C-alpha atoms as a PDB file:
ATOM      1  CA  MET A   1     110.926  31.271 132.160  1.00  0.00           C
ATOM      2  CA  SER A   2     114.107  33.258 132.855  1.00  0.00           C
ATOM      3  CA  GLN A   3     116.266  32.309 135.821  1.00  0.00           C
ATOM      4  CA  GLU A   4     115.959  34.483 138.929  1.00  0.00           C
ATOM      5  CA  PHE A   5     119.004  36.645 139.562  1.00  0.00           C
ATOM      6  CA  PHE A   6     120.484  39.021 142.108  1.00  0.00           C
ATOM      7  CA  ARG A   7     122.661  41.968 141.083  1.00  0.00           C
ATOM      8  CA  THR A   8     126.152  42.196 142.563  1.00  0.00           C
ATOM      9  CA  ILE A   9     128.820  44.855 142.160  1.00  0.00           C
ATOM     10  CA  LEU A  10     130.512  42.504 139.660  1.00  0.00           C
ATOM     11  CA  GLY A  11     127.371  41.690 137.711  1.00  0.00           C
ATOM     12  CA  ASP A  12     124.210  39.611 137.807  1.00  0.00           C
ATOM     13  CA  ARG A  13     124.305  36.133 139.315  1.00  0.00           C
ATOM     14  CA  PRO A  14     121.654  33.396 139.486  1.00  0.00           C
ATOM     15  CA  THR A  15     120.093  33.294 142.944  1.00  0.00           C
ATOM     16  CA  SER A  16     121.066  29.642 143.130  1.00  0.00           C
ATOM     17  CA  GLY A  17     124.633  30.883 143.609  1.00  0.00           C
ATOM     18  CA  MET A  18     123.903  33.395 146.383  1.00  0.00           C
ATOM     19  CA  GLY A  19     124.883  30.976 149.139  1.00  0.00           C
ATOM     20  CA  LEU A  20     125.155  31.984 152.785  1.00  0.00           C
ATOM     21  CA  THR A  21     124.095  35.631 152.992  1.00  0.00           C
ATOM     22  CA  TYR A  22     124.362  38.397 155.577  1.00  0.00           C
ATOM     23  CA  SER A  23     121.428  40.712 154.933  1.00  0.00           C
ATOM     24  CA  HIS A  24     122.626  44.064 156.296  1.00  0.00           C
ATOM     25  CA  GLU A  25     126.274  45.102 156.289  1.00  0.00           C
ATOM     26  CA  HIS A  26     128.587  48.059 155.754  1.00  0.00           C
ATOM     27  CA  ILE A  27     131.536  47.008 153.636  1.00  0.00           C
ATOM     28  CA  ILE A  28     132.800  50.273 152.143  1.00  0.00           C
ATOM     29  CA  ILE A  29     132.209  53.723 153.628  1.00  0.00           C
ATOM     30  CA  GLU A  30     134.531  56.145 151.875  1.00  0.00           C
ATOM     31  CA  ASP A  31     135.872  59.399 153.322  1.00  0.00           C
ATOM     32  CA  SER A  32     132.814  61.618 152.914  1.00  0.00           C
ATOM     33  CA  TYR A  33     130.332  63.928 154.613  1.00  0.00           C
ATOM     34  CA  VAL A  34     129.233  60.912 156.667  1.00  0.00           C
ATOM     35  CA  THR A  35     132.692  60.093 158.009  1.00  0.00           C
ATOM     36  CA  ALA A  36     133.585  63.741 158.614  1.00  0.00           C
ATOM     37  CA  ALA A  37     130.878  63.756 161.299  1.00  0.00           C
ATOM     38  CA  HIS A  38     131.324  60.082 162.238  1.00  0.00           C
ATOM     39  CA  PRO A  39     134.998  59.071 161.796  1.00  0.00           C
ATOM     40  CA  GLU A  40     134.221  55.721 163.417  1.00  0.00           C
ATOM     41  CA  PHE A  41     132.305  54.848 160.232  1.00  0.00           C
ATOM     42  CA  LEU A  42     135.344  55.135 157.945  1.00  0.00           C
ATOM     43  CA  LEU A  43     135.720  51.791 156.130  1.00  0.00           C
ATOM     44  CA  ASN A  44     137.930  52.371 153.104  1.00  0.00           C
ATOM     45  CA  ASP A  45     141.060  50.245 153.614  1.00  0.00           C
ATOM     46  CA  ILE A  46     140.914  47.662 150.836  1.00  0.00           C
ATOM     47  CA  ASN A  47     143.470  45.373 152.472  1.00  0.00           C
ATOM     48  CA  LYS A  48     141.739  45.243 155.853  1.00  0.00           C
ATOM     49  CA  ILE A  49     138.279  44.840 154.380  1.00  0.00           C
ATOM     50  CA  SER A  50     139.453  42.103 152.020  1.00  0.00           C
ATOM     51  CA  GLU A  51     141.082  40.274 154.940  1.00  0.00           C
ATOM     52  CA  GLU A  52     137.801  40.218 156.875  1.00  0.00           C
ATOM     53  CA  LEU A  53     135.817  39.107 153.826  1.00  0.00           C
ATOM     54  CA  ILE A  54     138.333  36.364 152.997  1.00  0.00           C
ATOM     55  CA  ASN A  55     137.902  34.983 156.520  1.00  0.00           C
ATOM     56  CA  PHE A  56     134.124  35.189 156.087  1.00  0.00           C
ATOM     57  CA  TYR A  57     134.426  33.248 152.824  1.00  0.00           C
ATOM     58  CA  LYS A  58     136.586  30.578 154.498  1.00  0.00           C
ATOM     59  CA  GLU A  59     133.795  29.981 157.029  1.00  0.00           C
ATOM     60  CA  GLY A  60     131.192  29.570 154.300  1.00  0.00           C
ATOM     61  CA  GLY A  61     130.021  33.153 153.730  1.00  0.00           C
ATOM     62  CA  ARG A  62     129.217  33.958 150.107  1.00  0.00           C
ATOM     63  CA  THR A  63     127.144  37.164 149.881  1.00  0.00           C
ATOM     64  CA  VAL A  64     126.825  40.414 151.852  1.00  0.00           C
ATOM     65  CA  VAL A  65     124.345  43.246 151.399  1.00  0.00           C
ATOM     66  CA  ASP A  66     126.022  46.645 151.711  1.00  0.00           C
ATOM     67  CA  THR A  67     123.655  49.361 152.856  1.00  0.00           C
ATOM     68  CA  MET A  68     125.201  52.794 152.182  1.00  0.00           C
ATOM     69  CA  PRO A  69     123.125  54.360 149.385  1.00  0.00           C
ATOM     70  CA  ALA A  70     123.588  57.323 147.020  1.00  0.00           C
ATOM     71  CA  ASN A  71     126.023  60.101 147.949  1.00  0.00           C
ATOM     72  CA  CYS A  72     126.635  58.477 151.317  1.00  0.00           C
ATOM     73  CA  GLY A  73     130.148  57.038 151.118  1.00  0.00           C
ATOM     74  CA  ARG A  74     129.886  54.632 148.190  1.00  0.00           C
ATOM     75  CA  ASN A  75     133.076  53.795 146.290  1.00  0.00           C
ATOM     76  CA  VAL A  76     132.140  51.227 143.684  1.00  0.00           C
ATOM     77  CA  PHE A  77     135.716  50.644 142.559  1.00  0.00           C
ATOM     78  CA  LYS A  78     136.743  49.638 146.076  1.00  0.00           C
ATOM     79  CA  SER A  79     133.606  47.506 146.474  1.00  0.00           C
ATOM     80  CA  ALA A  80     134.429  45.711 143.244  1.00  0.00           C
ATOM     81  CA  GLU A  81     138.054  45.174 144.273  1.00  0.00           C
ATOM     82  CA  VAL A  82     137.301  43.645 147.683  1.00  0.00           C
ATOM     83  CA  SER A  83     134.683  41.418 146.050  1.00  0.00           C
ATOM     84  CA  ARG A  84     137.261  40.190 143.533  1.00  0.00           C
ATOM     85  CA  ARG A  85     139.891  39.570 146.191  1.00  0.00           C
ATOM     86  CA  SER A  86     137.608  37.728 148.593  1.00  0.00           C
ATOM     87  CA  GLY A  87     135.195  35.925 146.295  1.00  0.00           C
ATOM     88  CA  VAL A  88     132.296  37.337 148.338  1.00  0.00           C
ATOM     89  CA  ASN A  89     129.337  38.716 146.355  1.00  0.00           C
ATOM     90  CA  ILE A  90     128.504  42.290 147.361  1.00  0.00           C
ATOM     91  CA  ILE A  91     125.115  43.856 146.690  1.00  0.00           C
ATOM     92  CA  VAL A  92     125.442  47.661 146.642  1.00  0.00           C
ATOM     93  CA  PRO A  93     122.399  49.931 147.036  1.00  0.00           C
ATOM     94  CA  THR A  94     121.044  53.079 145.541  1.00  0.00           C
ATOM     95  CA  GLY A  95     118.461  55.147 147.423  1.00  0.00           C
ATOM     96  CA  ILE A  96     118.688  57.704 150.239  1.00  0.00           C
ATOM     97  CA  HIS A  97     119.751  57.325 153.890  1.00  0.00           C
ATOM     98  CA  LEU A  98     118.746  59.254 157.006  1.00  0.00           C
ATOM     99  CA  GLU A  99     118.710  63.047 156.776  1.00  0.00           C
ATOM    100  CA  MET A 100     121.562  63.318 159.315  1.00  0.00           C
ATOM    101  CA  TYR A 101     123.999  61.854 156.790  1.00  0.00           C
ATOM    102  CA  TYR A 102     123.523  64.701 154.291  1.00  0.00           C
ATOM    103  CA  PRO A 103     124.057  68.481 154.511  1.00  0.00           C
ATOM    104  CA  GLU A 104     120.973  70.624 154.990  1.00  0.00           C
ATOM    105  CA  ASN A 105     121.173  72.006 151.427  1.00  0.00           C
ATOM    106  CA  HIS A 106     121.505  68.573 149.813  1.00  0.00           C
ATOM    107  CA  TRP A 107     119.871  67.817 146.463  1.00  0.00           C
ATOM    108  CA  ARG A 108     117.654  65.169 148.113  1.00  0.00           C
ATOM    109  CA  TYR A 109     115.428  68.032 149.291  1.00  0.00           C
ATOM    110  CA  SER A 110     115.150  69.878 145.977  1.00  0.00           C
ATOM    111  CA  TYR A 111     114.892  66.948 143.568  1.00  0.00           C
ATOM    112  CA  THR A 112     111.367  65.973 142.612  1.00  0.00           C
ATOM    113  CA  GLU A 113     109.907  62.488 142.995  1.00  0.00           C
ATOM    114  CA  ASP A 114     110.445  61.913 139.273  1.00  0.00           C
ATOM    115  CA  GLN A 115     114.064  63.088 139.407  1.00  0.00           C
ATOM    116  CA  LEU A 116     114.835  60.804 142.344  1.00  0.00           C
ATOM    117  CA  THR A 117     113.102  57.914 140.602  1.00  0.00           C
ATOM    118  CA  GLU A 118     115.200  58.528 137.489  1.00  0.00           C
ATOM    119  CA  LEU A 119     118.402  58.666 139.554  1.00  0.00           C
ATOM    120  CA  PHE A 120     117.657  55.380 141.339  1.00  0.00           C
ATOM    121  CA  ILE A 121     116.760  53.632 138.079  1.00  0.00           C
ATOM    122  CA  ALA A 122     119.955  54.896 136.454  1.00  0.00           C
ATOM    123  CA  ASP A 123     122.037  53.451 139.306  1.00  0.00           C
ATOM    124  CA  ILE A 124     120.304  50.096 138.846  1.00  0.00           C
ATOM    125  CA  GLU A 125     120.184  49.881 135.064  1.00  0.00           C
ATOM    126  CA  ASN A 126     123.005  52.081 133.735  1.00  0.00           C
ATOM    127  CA  GLY A 127     125.673  52.058 136.460  1.00  0.00           C
ATOM    128  CA  ILE A 128     126.622  53.963 139.609  1.00  0.00           C
ATOM    129  CA  ASP A 129     128.406  57.304 139.239  1.00  0.00           C
ATOM    130  CA  GLN A 130     132.104  56.942 140.051  1.00  0.00           C
ATOM    131  CA  PHE A 131     131.913  60.212 142.010  1.00  0.00           C
ATOM    132  CA  ASP A 132     128.779  59.066 143.874  1.00  0.00           C
ATOM    133  CA  TYR A 133     126.931  62.256 142.895  1.00  0.00           C
ATOM    134  CA  SER A 134     129.362  64.437 144.851  1.00  0.00           C
ATOM    135  CA  GLY A 135     129.839  66.901 141.995  1.00  0.00           C
ATOM    136  CA  PRO A 136     128.171  68.318 138.894  1.00  0.00           C
ATOM    137  CA  TYR A 137     129.808  65.787 136.562  1.00  0.00           C
ATOM    138  CA  VAL A 138     128.418  62.242 136.401  1.00  0.00           C
ATOM    139  CA  GLN A 139     130.555  59.393 135.045  1.00  0.00           C
ATOM    140  CA  ARG A 140     128.662  56.127 135.160  1.00  0.00           C
ATOM    141  CA  THR A 141     130.593  52.922 135.752  1.00  0.00           C
ATOM    142  CA  ILE A 142     129.906  49.319 134.810  1.00  0.00           C
ATOM    143  CA  HIS A 143     128.980  48.653 138.446  1.00  0.00           C
ATOM    144  CA  LYS A 144     125.224  48.635 139.117  1.00  0.00           C
ATOM    145  CA  ALA A 145     123.060  48.856 142.229  1.00  0.00           C
ATOM    146  CA  GLY A 146     121.206  45.708 143.238  1.00  0.00           C
ATOM    147  CA  LEU A 147     119.026  47.205 145.962  1.00  0.00           C
ATOM    148  CA  ILE A 148     117.158  50.387 146.898  1.00  0.00           C
ATOM    149  CA  LYS A 149     117.530  51.834 150.415  1.00  0.00           C
ATOM    150  CA  LEU A 150     115.530  54.343 152.402  1.00  0.00           C
ATOM    151  CA  ALA A 151     115.421  55.380 156.046  1.00  0.00           C
ATOM    152  CA  THR A 152     113.163  56.941 158.644  1.00  0.00           C
ATOM    153  CA  GLY A 153     114.037  58.306 162.086  1.00  0.00           C
ATOM    154  CA  ASN A 154     112.396  58.641 165.472  1.00  0.00           C
ATOM    155  CA  GLU A 155     109.576  60.940 164.381  1.00  0.00           C
ATOM    156  CA  ARG A 156     106.531  60.238 162.244  1.00  0.00           C
ATOM    157  CA  ILE A 157     107.161  59.852 158.528  1.00  0.00           C
ATOM    158  CA  ASP A 158     107.078  63.365 157.040  1.00  0.00           C
ATOM    159  CA  LYS A 159     106.308  64.744 153.574  1.00  0.00           C
ATOM    160  CA  HIS A 160     109.926  64.696 152.452  1.00  0.00           C
ATOM    161  CA  GLN A 161     110.326  61.070 153.471  1.00  0.00           C
ATOM    162  CA  GLU A 162     107.070  60.210 151.712  1.00  0.00           C
ATOM    163  CA  LYS A 163     108.612  61.616 148.525  1.00  0.00           C
ATOM    164  CA  ILE A 164     111.584  59.294 149.011  1.00  0.00           C
ATOM    165  CA  PHE A 165     109.213  56.350 149.563  1.00  0.00           C
ATOM    166  CA  ARG A 166     107.341  57.085 146.351  1.00  0.00           C
ATOM    167  CA  ALA A 167     110.538  57.399 144.324  1.00  0.00           C
ATOM    168  CA  VAL A 168     111.925  54.176 145.810  1.00  0.00           C
ATOM    169  CA  VAL A 169     108.744  52.237 145.065  1.00  0.00           C
ATOM    170  CA  ASN A 170     108.590  53.720 141.567  1.00  0.00           C
ATOM    171  CA  ALA A 171     112.122  52.468 140.875  1.00  0.00           C
ATOM    172  CA  HIS A 172     111.362  49.116 142.529  1.00  0.00           C
ATOM    173  CA  LEU A 173     108.312  48.533 140.333  1.00  0.00           C
ATOM    174  CA  GLU A 174     110.115  49.685 137.186  1.00  0.00           C
ATOM    175  CA  THR A 175     113.287  47.615 137.672  1.00  0.00           C
ATOM    176  CA  GLY A 176     112.279  44.757 139.971  1.00  0.00           C
ATOM    177  CA  ALA A 177     115.057  45.697 142.423  1.00  0.00           C
ATOM    178  CA  PRO A 178     114.405  44.778 146.079  1.00  0.00           C
ATOM    179  CA  ILE A 179     114.017  47.368 148.845  1.00  0.00           C
ATOM    180  CA  LEU A 180     115.803  47.581 152.214  1.00  0.00           C
ATOM    181  CA  THR A 181     115.000  50.140 154.889  1.00  0.00           C
ATOM    182  CA  HIS A 182     116.536  51.571 158.031  1.00  0.00           C
ATOM    183  CA  THR A 183     114.360  51.967 161.101  1.00  0.00           C
ATOM    184  CA  ASN A 184     115.574  53.733 164.228  1.00  0.00           C
ATOM    185  CA  PHE A 185     115.290  51.073 166.927  1.00  0.00           C
ATOM    186  CA  GLY A 186     112.336  49.622 165.019  1.00  0.00           C
ATOM    187  CA  LYS A 187     110.368  52.872 165.238  1.00  0.00           C
ATOM    188  CA  GLN A 188     107.984  53.556 162.336  1.00  0.00           C
ATOM    189  CA  ALA A 189     108.373  49.958 161.127  1.00  0.00           C
ATOM    190  CA  LEU A 190     104.616  49.402 161.041  1.00  0.00           C
ATOM    191  CA  GLU A 191     104.133  52.745 159.330  1.00  0.00           C
ATOM    192  CA  GLN A 192     106.806  51.874 156.763  1.00  0.00           C
ATOM    193  CA  ALA A 193     105.144  48.543 156.009  1.00  0.00           C
ATOM    194  CA  GLN A 194     101.739  50.169 155.631  1.00  0.00           C
ATOM    195  CA  LEU A 195     103.093  52.841 153.294  1.00  0.00           C
ATOM    196  CA  PHE A 196     104.825  50.258 151.125  1.00  0.00           C
ATOM    197  CA  LYS A 197     101.567  48.314 150.949  1.00  0.00           C
ATOM    198  CA  ASN A 198      99.623  51.458 150.018  1.00  0.00           C
ATOM    199  CA  LEU A 199     102.141  52.278 147.281  1.00  0.00           C
ATOM    200  CA  GLY A 200     101.857  48.804 145.743  1.00  0.00           C
ATOM    201  CA  ALA A 201     105.350  47.480 146.492  1.00  0.00           C
ATOM    202  CA  ASN A 202     105.971  43.750 146.310  1.00  0.00           C
ATOM    203  CA  LEU A 203     106.257  43.127 150.046  1.00  0.00           C
ATOM    204  CA  GLU A 204     108.067  39.812 149.566  1.00  0.00           C
ATOM    205  CA  HIS A 205     110.986  41.900 148.285  1.00  0.00           C
ATOM    206  CA  VAL A 206     110.902  44.543 151.035  1.00  0.00           C
ATOM    207  CA  VAL A 207     112.998  44.133 154.191  1.00  0.00           C
ATOM    208  CA  LEU A 208     112.916  46.394 157.260  1.00  0.00           C
ATOM    209  CA  SER A 209     116.148  46.523 159.249  1.00  0.00           C
ATOM    210  CA  HIS A 210     116.858  46.798 162.980  1.00  0.00           C
ATOM    211  CA  VAL A 211     113.322  45.864 164.033  1.00  0.00           C
ATOM    212  CA  ASP A 212     114.799  43.667 166.797  1.00  0.00           C
ATOM    213  CA  ARG A 213     115.762  46.906 168.552  1.00  0.00           C
ATOM    214  CA  ALA A 214     112.054  47.423 169.231  1.00  0.00           C
ATOM    215  CA  LYS A 215     112.329  44.403 171.581  1.00  0.00           C
ATOM    216  CA  GLU A 216     108.622  43.610 171.831  1.00  0.00           C
ATOM    217  CA  ILE A 217     107.455  40.296 170.380  1.00  0.00           C
ATOM    218  CA  ASN A 218     103.939  41.507 169.603  1.00  0.00           C
ATOM    219  CA  TYR A 219     105.225  44.577 167.775  1.00  0.00           C
ATOM    220  CA  ASN A 220     107.486  42.420 165.619  1.00  0.00           C
ATOM    221  CA  LYS A 221     104.549  40.089 164.971  1.00  0.00           C
ATOM    222  CA  ALA A 222     102.442  43.018 163.811  1.00  0.00           C
ATOM    223  CA  VAL A 223     105.170  44.087 161.381  1.00  0.00           C
ATOM    224  CA  LEU A 224     105.618  40.559 160.048  1.00  0.00           C
ATOM    225  CA  ASP A 225     101.853  40.157 159.677  1.00  0.00           C
ATOM    226  CA  MET A 226     101.986  42.979 157.118  1.00  0.00           C
ATOM    227  CA  GLY A 227     103.889  40.632 154.802  1.00  0.00           C
ATOM    228  CA  VAL A 228     107.257  42.403 154.723  1.00  0.00           C
ATOM    229  CA  ARG A 229     110.554  40.802 155.709  1.00  0.00           C
ATOM    230  CA  VAL A 230     112.591  41.877 158.744  1.00  0.00           C
ATOM    231  CA  GLU A 231     116.326  41.917 159.352  1.00  0.00           C
ATOM    232  CA  TYR A 232     117.792  41.561 162.852  1.00  0.00           C
ATOM    233  CA  ASP A 233     121.362  42.655 163.555  1.00  0.00           C
ATOM    234  CA  SER A 234     121.730  43.393 167.257  1.00  0.00           C
ATOM    235  CA  THR A 235     122.693  39.936 168.519  1.00  0.00           C
ATOM    236  CA  PHE A 236     126.084  41.234 169.672  1.00  0.00           C
ATOM    237  CA  ARG A 237     124.913  44.678 170.787  1.00  0.00           C
ATOM    238  CA  TRP A 238     122.834  43.935 173.875  1.00  0.00           C
ATOM    239  CA  LYS A 239     124.599  44.651 177.162  1.00  0.00           C
ATOM    240  CA  LYS A 240     125.487  41.632 179.292  1.00  0.00           C
ATOM    241  CA  ALA A 241     123.213  42.889 182.071  1.00  0.00           C
ATOM    242  CA  GLU A 242     120.125  42.902 179.836  1.00  0.00           C
ATOM    243  CA  PRO A 243     118.288  40.166 177.936  1.00  0.00           C
ATOM    244  CA  ASN A 244     119.392  39.402 174.389  1.00  0.00           C
ATOM    245  CA  TYR A 245     116.162  40.539 172.779  1.00  0.00           C
ATOM    246  CA  THR A 246     117.306  39.461 169.309  1.00  0.00           C
ATOM    247  CA  LEU A 247     117.642  35.849 170.418  1.00  0.00           C
ATOM    248  CA  ILE A 248     114.333  36.054 172.297  1.00  0.00           C
ATOM    249  CA  LEU A 249     112.622  37.269 169.121  1.00  0.00           C
ATOM    250  CA  LEU A 250     114.216  34.520 167.041  1.00  0.00           C
ATOM    251  CA  GLU A 251     113.100  31.848 169.505  1.00  0.00           C
ATOM    252  CA  ASN A 252     109.525  33.110 169.551  1.00  0.00           C
ATOM    253  CA  LEU A 253     109.043  34.144 165.921  1.00  0.00           C
ATOM    254  CA  LEU A 254     111.006  31.716 163.738  1.00  0.00           C
ATOM    255  CA  PRO A 255     108.459  28.888 164.185  1.00  0.00           C
ATOM    256  CA  HIS A 256     105.637  31.193 163.043  1.00  0.00           C
ATOM    257  CA  TYR A 257     107.389  33.325 160.392  1.00  0.00           C
ATOM    258  CA  PRO A 258     110.084  31.014 158.987  1.00  0.00           C
ATOM    259  CA  ASP A 259     110.172  32.696 155.575  1.00  0.00           C
ATOM    260  CA  GLN A 260     110.375  36.335 156.688  1.00  0.00           C
ATOM    261  CA  ILE A 261     113.382  36.728 158.995  1.00  0.00           C
ATOM    262  CA  THR A 262     116.986  37.453 157.998  1.00  0.00           C
ATOM    263  CA  LEU A 263     120.122  38.329 159.961  1.00  0.00           C
ATOM    264  CA  GLY A 264     123.110  40.618 159.581  1.00  0.00           C
ATOM    265  CA  MET A 265     125.832  42.302 161.615  1.00  0.00           C
ATOM    266  CA  ASP A 266     125.465  45.966 160.542  1.00  0.00           C
ATOM    267  CA  MET A 267     129.149  46.579 161.339  1.00  0.00           C
ATOM    268  CA  ALA A 268     129.237  50.257 160.351  1.00  0.00           C
ATOM    269  CA  LYS A 269     131.860  51.101 162.998  1.00  0.00           C
ATOM    270  CA  ASN A 270     135.397  50.066 162.121  1.00  0.00           C
ATOM    271  CA  ALA A 271     135.855  49.069 165.789  1.00  0.00           C
ATOM    272  CA  TYR A 272     133.566  46.086 165.112  1.00  0.00           C
ATOM    273  CA  TRP A 273     136.000  44.671 162.510  1.00  0.00           C
ATOM    274  CA  LYS A 274     138.701  42.212 163.596  1.00  0.00           C
ATOM    275  CA  SER A 275     140.869  43.342 160.690  1.00  0.00           C
ATOM    276  CA  TYR A 276     140.757  46.873 162.123  1.00  0.00           C
ATOM    277  CA  GLY A 277     141.829  45.542 165.518  1.00  0.00           C
ATOM    278  CA  GLY A 278     138.318  45.375 166.987  1.00  0.00           C
ATOM    279  CA  GLY A 279     135.501  42.880 167.427  1.00  0.00           C
ATOM    280  CA  PRO A 280     133.392  40.812 167.367  1.00  0.00           C
ATOM    281  CA  GLY A 281     134.149  40.496 163.654  1.00  0.00           C
ATOM    282  CA  LEU A 282     132.060  39.528 160.659  1.00  0.00           C
ATOM    283  CA  ASN A 283     132.049  35.801 161.468  1.00  0.00           C
ATOM    284  CA  PHE A 284     130.236  36.316 164.777  1.00  0.00           C
ATOM    285  CA  LEU A 285     126.884  35.044 163.534  1.00  0.00           C
ATOM    286  CA  LEU A 286     128.448  31.939 162.013  1.00  0.00           C
ATOM    287  CA  GLU A 287     130.179  31.269 165.331  1.00  0.00           C
ATOM    288  CA  THR A 288     127.095  31.714 167.547  1.00  0.00           C
ATOM    289  CA  ILE A 289     123.755  31.318 165.745  1.00  0.00           C
ATOM    290  CA  PRO A 290     124.035  27.586 164.893  1.00  0.00           C
ATOM    291  CA  GLN A 291     124.629  26.740 168.547  1.00  0.00           C
ATOM    292  CA  PHE A 292     121.790  28.984 169.677  1.00  0.00           C
ATOM    293  CA  LEU A 293     119.343  27.427 167.220  1.00  0.00           C
ATOM    294  CA  ALA A 294     120.416  23.943 168.264  1.00  0.00           C
ATOM    295  CA  SER A 295     119.905  24.797 171.935  1.00  0.00           C
ATOM    296  CA  LYS A 296     116.274  25.749 171.167  1.00  0.00           C
ATOM    297  CA  GLY A 297     115.510  22.907 168.771  1.00  0.00           C
ATOM    298  CA  LEU A 298     115.359  25.337 165.863  1.00  0.00           C
ATOM    299  CA  GLU A 299     118.184  23.950 163.715  1.00  0.00           C
ATOM    300  CA  GLU A 300     115.944  23.711 160.659  1.00  0.00           C
ATOM    301  CA  HIS A 301     115.725  27.519 160.500  1.00  0.00           C
ATOM    302  CA  TYR A 302     119.439  28.042 159.880  1.00  0.00           C
ATOM    303  CA  LYS A 303     118.913  27.413 156.169  1.00  0.00           C
ATOM    304  CA  ASN A 304     115.930  29.775 156.086  1.00  0.00           C
ATOM    305  CA  ILE A 305     117.742  32.659 157.782  1.00  0.00           C
ATOM    306  CA  PHE A 306     120.989  32.553 155.839  1.00  0.00           C
ATOM    307  CA  PHE A 307     120.103  30.883 152.530  1.00  0.00           C
ATOM    308  CA  ASP A 308     116.463  30.583 151.474  1.00  0.00           C
ATOM    309  CA  ASN A 309     115.036  33.854 152.766  1.00  0.00           C
ATOM    310  CA  PRO A 310     117.802  36.119 151.347  1.00  0.00           C
ATOM    311  CA  LYS A 311     117.652  34.232 148.044  1.00  0.00           C
ATOM    312  CA  LYS A 312     113.952  35.054 147.665  1.00  0.00           C
ATOM    313  CA  LEU A 313     114.177  38.550 149.135  1.00  0.00           C
ATOM    314  CA  TYR A 314     117.096  39.900 147.106  1.00  0.00           C
ATOM    315  CA  ALA A 315     116.054  38.423 143.765  1.00  0.00           C
ATOM    316  CA  PHE A 316     114.932  40.899 141.130  1.00  0.00           C
ATOM    317  CA  SER A 317     111.215  40.464 140.569  1.00  0.00           C
ATOM    318  CA  LYS A 318     108.860  42.422 138.354  1.00  0.00           C
ATOM    319  CA  SER A 319     105.165  41.929 139.053  1.00  0.00           C
END
């Protein structure tokens, strides 16, 4: 039986070498349509990004999952360079993000399900375009996607988004690549999980992000009961005057769903990076979560959250 692997920007690695993993990050966001509207998302300084990742590595961090998909600010050469400099494995996605991050006449709307499927598979198996599909010429690199991303917003999942779902699941089933999604404050998480189930995705390799923003324990339970994985990343975002709902969810759900919960920082804004002069910095979870778990008698779950669950989730797996 072949060894399980995960696909990094620098090539495939055995999952045994994944190590401590952050499950939802933004490492490179190049000057693009996204940053023109949201300059706070610009993350393209190799020196600053490498500095932050080197500090993460020094504290035990080994792998990060980048979550900017096709034509949404990817620069695979920069991703590869900061991975080399820091020693941190970086998983880079293909797929499609929220509609707001693309112009209204974008090809995502005109491409068919089959064309999108073919594009995602090409990113995974042949290599990501060095121009990130920003022009008519495609020059594939040696750097391949190790993940497929999709996103839904505040409203019910519409026909266009359903097309994206089908293409993502098609590519997932064809290649074995895992799937990561964006939810807006956890909205449509149940609907996402149900659609993935209906489409025949391997739910052990599907993770829904930001579901902690939904706050409610029972809602999160309902999502987890579907069999998907969830990723929480708002530990540092809650205002001091309000409860830390992420920690409340961890305390209540880890004992019951130990194999389904992962954590990340989702530091899309450069103001969150210490190397950019901001905070709290990438090491925040390493500095706070162990103490929190210990205070609740949940120390045993540290390995699940940061090691075992990502290792299973982000492995390539064909059914």
